[in-house]
């Protein structure tokens, strides 16, 4: 397992343990995880849209007035 994977796993386990220690039920933890996934999904979609707009702008011919 890579260092990045270990760090991610430790962070997730710590977050989970803190939630449980704070009194969150397993069902509430699932709800939180679902919300996190939704936020990441939206972020990825927005990133894809921004990248597509940038590519389109780079590929579009410049509009210059004809003299």
Protein backbone atom coordinates (compact mmCIF):
# COMPACT_ATOMS: atom_id res chain seq x y z
CA UNK A 1 0.00 0.00 0.00
CA UNK A 2 1.39 3.41 -0.98
CA UNK A 3 2.00 6.23 1.49
CA UNK A 4 -0.90 8.21 -0.03
CA UNK A 5 -3.27 5.28 0.45
CA UNK A 6 -2.11 4.82 4.03
CA UNK A 7 -2.64 8.49 4.78
CA UNK A 8 -6.10 8.42 3.25
CA UNK A 9 -7.00 5.31 5.20
CA UNK A 10 -5.74 6.82 8.47
CA UNK A 11 -7.68 10.04 7.85
CA UNK A 12 -10.88 8.15 7.08
CA UNK A 13 -10.50 5.92 10.14
CA UNK A 14 -9.80 8.95 12.36
CA UNK A 15 -12.81 10.81 10.97
CA UNK A 16 -15.02 7.75 11.48
CA UNK A 17 -13.78 7.25 15.05
CA UNK A 18 -14.37 10.92 15.87
CA UNK A 19 -17.89 10.78 14.49
CA UNK A 20 -18.70 7.63 16.47
CA UNK A 21 -17.11 9.08 19.63
CA UNK A 22 -19.27 12.18 19.16
CA UNK A 23 -22.39 10.04 19.24
CA UNK A 24 -23.20 9.67 15.53
CA UNK A 25 -24.98 6.44 14.70
CA UNK A 26 -23.78 4.17 11.88
CA UNK A 27 -26.74 5.36 9.78
CA UNK A 28 -25.75 8.99 10.37
CA UNK A 29 -22.17 8.20 9.37
CA UNK A 30 -23.50 6.68 6.14
CA UNK A 31 -25.48 9.89 5.55
CA UNK A 32 -22.33 11.97 6.05
CA UNK A 33 -20.37 9.72 3.70
CA UNK A 34 -23.12 10.05 1.10
CA UNK A 35 -23.02 13.84 1.37
CA UNK A 36 -19.23 13.82 1.00
CA UNK A 37 -19.51 11.70 -2.14
CA UNK A 38 -22.12 14.08 -3.54
CA UNK A 39 -19.84 17.06 -2.91
CA UNK A 40 -16.93 15.33 -4.62
CA UNK A 41 -19.15 14.36 -7.56
CA UNK A 42 -20.32 17.95 -8.03
CA UNK A 43 -16.74 19.21 -7.74
CA UNK A 44 -15.56 16.75 -10.39
CA UNK A 45 -18.40 17.67 -12.74
CA UNK A 46 -17.65 21.38 -12.34
CA UNK A 47 -13.98 20.69 -13.00
CA UNK A 48 -14.88 18.75 -16.16
CA UNK A 49 -17.07 21.63 -17.35
CA UNK A 50 -14.33 24.18 -16.69
CA UNK A 51 -11.80 22.05 -18.54
CA UNK A 52 -14.17 21.65 -21.51
CA UNK A 53 -14.74 25.42 -21.66
CA UNK A 54 -10.99 26.04 -21.56
CA UNK A 55 -10.35 23.55 -24.38
CA UNK A 56 -13.16 25.07 -26.45
CA UNK A 57 -11.73 28.56 -25.96
CA UNK A 58 -8.26 27.40 -26.95
CA UNK A 59 -9.53 25.66 -30.06
CA UNK A 60 -11.93 28.43 -31.21
CA UNK A 61 -10.57 30.61 -33.98
CA UNK A 62 -9.98 34.18 -32.97
CA UNK A 63 -12.68 36.51 -34.13
CA UNK A 64 -10.99 39.49 -35.73
CA UNK A 65 -12.81 42.35 -37.44
CA UNK A 66 -12.29 42.42 -41.17
CA UNK A 67 -10.82 45.72 -42.39
